[in-house]
Amino acid sequence: MNKLQLIIISMAMLGAFGQLAFKKGSNLIKFTDWFSFANKWLLLGLILYGSATIGYVLALKGLNLSQAYPLISLSYLFVMVLSLIFLGEKVTAINVCGSLLLLLAVYMMVV
């Protein structure tokens, strides 16, 4: 695994934290109060997700898209783990099996 691939994986993780912040921020939205959309969690999510996107685009300069795109799909796995840890969401055996298949697919596509 080269340096750019590790950067892509890091950006997938950063984007997953952004998704976690979006989820926490979405709970604070009141559709009768437009200012509730400017809560700290949504703003943090935008910053994290935006930073991940910028890092991903920069890493694309040196990687083939056919290698980079499967790596960014690891964000699905990261979101599942972060949701379990920080939100107490349930993870089933099917989820774990799907995650293992995802890891195998990414490995087969990138290596």
C-alpha atoms as a PDB file:
ATOM      1  CA  MET A   1       0.000   0.000   0.000  1.00  0.00           C
ATOM      2  CA  ASN A   2       1.469   3.313  -1.019  1.00  0.00           C
ATOM      3  CA  LYS A   3       1.263   6.743   0.605  1.00  0.00           C
ATOM      4  CA  LEU A   4      -1.572   8.026  -1.593  1.00  0.00           C
ATOM      5  CA  GLN A   5      -3.691   4.964  -0.859  1.00  0.00           C
ATOM      6  CA  LEU A   6      -3.202   5.582   2.869  1.00  0.00           C
ATOM      7  CA  ILE A   7      -4.254   9.201   2.356  1.00  0.00           C
ATOM      8  CA  ILE A   8      -7.441   8.025   0.612  1.00  0.00           C
ATOM      9  CA  ILE A   9      -8.208   5.663   3.512  1.00  0.00           C
ATOM     10  CA  SER A  10      -7.593   8.536   5.951  1.00  0.00           C
ATOM     11  CA  MET A  11      -9.984  10.717   3.956  1.00  0.00           C
ATOM     12  CA  ALA A  12     -12.600   7.949   4.124  1.00  0.00           C
ATOM     13  CA  MET A  13     -12.219   7.954   7.900  1.00  0.00           C
ATOM     14  CA  LEU A  14     -12.411  11.755   8.068  1.00  0.00           C
ATOM     15  CA  GLY A  15     -15.560  11.666   5.937  1.00  0.00           C
ATOM     16  CA  ALA A  16     -17.038   9.046   8.265  1.00  0.00           C
ATOM     17  CA  PHE A  17     -16.500  11.372  11.225  1.00  0.00           C
ATOM     18  CA  GLY A  18     -18.201  14.064   9.160  1.00  0.00           C
ATOM     19  CA  GLN A  19     -21.194  11.755   8.673  1.00  0.00           C
ATOM     20  CA  LEU A  20     -21.292  11.117  12.416  1.00  0.00           C
ATOM     21  CA  ALA A  21     -21.387  14.875  13.049  1.00  0.00           C
ATOM     22  CA  PHE A  22     -24.182  15.240  10.455  1.00  0.00           C
ATOM     23  CA  LYS A  23     -26.220  12.628  12.318  1.00  0.00           C
ATOM     24  CA  LYS A  24     -25.727  14.349  15.672  1.00  0.00           C
ATOM     25  CA  GLY A  25     -26.560  17.714  14.108  1.00  0.00           C
ATOM     26  CA  SER A  26     -29.664  16.425  12.377  1.00  0.00           C
ATOM     27  CA  ASN A  27     -31.205  15.687  15.762  1.00  0.00           C
ATOM     28  CA  LEU A  28     -31.037  19.401  16.594  1.00  0.00           C
ATOM     29  CA  ILE A  29     -32.869  20.622  13.487  1.00  0.00           C
ATOM     30  CA  LYS A  30     -36.275  22.202  13.923  1.00  0.00           C
ATOM     31  CA  PHE A  31     -37.969  22.932  10.641  1.00  0.00           C
ATOM     32  CA  THR A  32     -39.732  25.928  12.202  1.00  0.00           C
ATOM     33  CA  ASP A  33     -36.366  27.505  13.036  1.00  0.00           C
ATOM     34  CA  TRP A  34     -34.014  27.907  10.068  1.00  0.00           C
ATOM     35  CA  PHE A  35     -31.187  28.955  12.383  1.00  0.00           C
ATOM     36  CA  SER A  36     -31.190  25.443  13.838  1.00  0.00           C
ATOM     37  CA  PHE A  37     -29.477  24.331  10.609  1.00  0.00           C
ATOM     38  CA  ALA A  38     -26.426  26.322  11.728  1.00  0.00           C
ATOM     39  CA  ASN A  39     -25.778  24.147  14.765  1.00  0.00           C
ATOM     40  CA  LYS A  40     -22.227  23.236  15.758  1.00  0.00           C
ATOM     41  CA  TRP A  41     -22.563  19.573  14.740  1.00  0.00           C
ATOM     42  CA  LEU A  42     -23.716  20.323  11.194  1.00  0.00           C
ATOM     43  CA  LEU A  43     -20.975  22.898  10.802  1.00  0.00           C
ATOM     44  CA  LEU A  44     -18.380  20.430  12.091  1.00  0.00           C
ATOM     45  CA  GLY A  45     -19.736  17.815   9.683  1.00  0.00           C
ATOM     46  CA  LEU A  46     -19.368  20.222   6.765  1.00  0.00           C
ATOM     47  CA  ILE A  47     -15.799  21.035   7.749  1.00  0.00           C
ATOM     48  CA  LEU A  48     -14.802  17.379   8.172  1.00  0.00           C
ATOM     49  CA  TYR A  49     -16.599  16.131   5.072  1.00  0.00           C
ATOM     50  CA  GLY A  50     -15.343  19.081   3.019  1.00  0.00           C
ATOM     51  CA  SER A  51     -11.760  18.520   4.176  1.00  0.00           C
ATOM     52  CA  ALA A  52     -12.039  14.831   3.310  1.00  0.00           C
ATOM     53  CA  THR A  53     -13.273  15.726  -0.163  1.00  0.00           C
ATOM     54  CA  ILE A  54     -10.400  18.140  -0.744  1.00  0.00           C
ATOM     55  CA  GLY A  55      -7.855  15.554   0.445  1.00  0.00           C
ATOM     56  CA  TYR A  56      -9.443  12.918  -1.787  1.00  0.00           C
ATOM     57  CA  VAL A  57      -9.312  15.172  -4.850  1.00  0.00           C
ATOM     58  CA  LEU A  58      -5.666  16.010  -4.187  1.00  0.00           C
ATOM     59  CA  ALA A  59      -4.772  12.326  -3.794  1.00  0.00           C
ATOM     60  CA  LEU A  60      -6.496  11.583  -7.114  1.00  0.00           C
ATOM     61  CA  LYS A  61      -3.733  13.522  -8.862  1.00  0.00           C
ATOM     62  CA  GLY A  62      -1.382  10.604  -8.272  1.00  0.00           C
ATOM     63  CA  LEU A  63      -3.746   7.613  -8.240  1.00  0.00           C
ATOM     64  CA  ASN A  64      -5.930   5.917 -10.775  1.00  0.00           C
ATOM     65  CA  LEU A  65      -9.607   6.461 -10.070  1.00  0.00           C
ATOM     66  CA  SER A  66     -10.124   2.698 -10.352  1.00  0.00           C
ATOM     67  CA  GLN A  67      -7.875   2.286  -7.295  1.00  0.00           C
ATOM     68  CA  ALA A  68      -9.016   5.315  -5.315  1.00  0.00           C
ATOM     69  CA  TYR A  69     -12.767   4.809  -5.561  1.00  0.00           C
ATOM     70  CA  PRO A  70     -12.873   1.357  -3.941  1.00  0.00           C
ATOM     71  CA  LEU A  71     -10.768   2.698  -1.063  1.00  0.00           C
ATOM     72  CA  ILE A  72     -13.201   5.530  -0.382  1.00  0.00           C
ATOM     73  CA  SER A  73     -15.952   2.909  -0.040  1.00  0.00           C
ATOM     74  CA  LEU A  74     -14.288   1.915   3.225  1.00  0.00           C
ATOM     75  CA  SER A  75     -16.172   4.869   4.682  1.00  0.00           C
ATOM     76  CA  TYR A  76     -19.217   2.535   4.875  1.00  0.00           C
ATOM     77  CA  LEU A  77     -17.294   0.319   7.266  1.00  0.00           C
ATOM     78  CA  PHE A  78     -15.957   3.268   9.252  1.00  0.00           C
ATOM     79  CA  VAL A  79     -19.454   4.766   9.598  1.00  0.00           C
ATOM     80  CA  MET A  80     -20.805   1.457  10.892  1.00  0.00           C
ATOM     81  CA  VAL A  81     -18.071   1.176  13.536  1.00  0.00           C
ATOM     82  CA  LEU A  82     -18.355   4.838  14.579  1.00  0.00           C
ATOM     83  CA  SER A  83     -22.151   4.525  14.813  1.00  0.00           C
ATOM     84  CA  LEU A  84     -21.746   1.527  17.075  1.00  0.00           C
ATOM     85  CA  ILE A  85     -19.216   3.262  19.330  1.00  0.00           C
ATOM     86  CA  PHE A  86     -20.614   6.803  19.514  1.00  0.00           C
ATOM     87  CA  LEU A  87     -24.337   6.385  18.823  1.00  0.00           C
ATOM     88  CA  GLY A  88     -24.951   2.939  20.262  1.00  0.00           C
ATOM     89  CA  GLU A  89     -26.439   1.707  16.999  1.00  0.00           C
ATOM     90  CA  LYS A  90     -26.959  -2.014  16.626  1.00  0.00           C
ATOM     91  CA  VAL A  91     -24.587  -4.035  14.438  1.00  0.00           C
ATOM     92  CA  THR A  92     -25.817  -7.462  13.401  1.00  0.00           C
ATOM     93  CA  ALA A  93     -23.993 -10.549  12.190  1.00  0.00           C
ATOM     94  CA  ILE A  94     -25.221  -9.712   8.679  1.00  0.00           C
ATOM     95  CA  ASN A  95     -23.604  -6.265   8.993  1.00  0.00           C
ATOM     96  CA  VAL A  96     -20.311  -7.852  10.021  1.00  0.00           C
ATOM     97  CA  CYS A  97     -20.468 -10.355   7.156  1.00  0.00           C
ATOM     98  CA  GLY A  98     -21.200  -7.549   4.704  1.00  0.00           C
ATOM     99  CA  SER A  99     -18.263  -5.570   6.067  1.00  0.00           C
ATOM    100  CA  LEU A 100     -15.939  -8.530   5.615  1.00  0.00           C
ATOM    101  CA  LEU A 101     -17.141  -8.908   2.032  1.00  0.00           C
ATOM    102  CA  LEU A 102     -16.542  -5.200   1.499  1.00  0.00           C
ATOM    103  CA  LEU A 103     -12.981  -5.517   2.788  1.00  0.00           C
ATOM    104  CA  LEU A 104     -12.365  -8.505   0.534  1.00  0.00           C
ATOM    105  CA  ALA A 105     -13.794  -6.673  -2.482  1.00  0.00           C
ATOM    106  CA  VAL A 106     -11.695  -3.576  -1.845  1.00  0.00           C
ATOM    107  CA  TYR A 107      -8.579  -5.682  -1.428  1.00  0.00           C
ATOM    108  CA  MET A 108      -9.259  -7.535  -4.678  1.00  0.00           C
ATOM    109  CA  MET A 109      -9.879  -4.304  -6.589  1.00  0.00           C
ATOM    110  CA  VAL A 110      -6.897  -2.378  -5.286  1.00  0.00           C
ATOM    111  CA  VAL A 111      -4.135  -4.981  -5.137  1.00  0.00           C
END
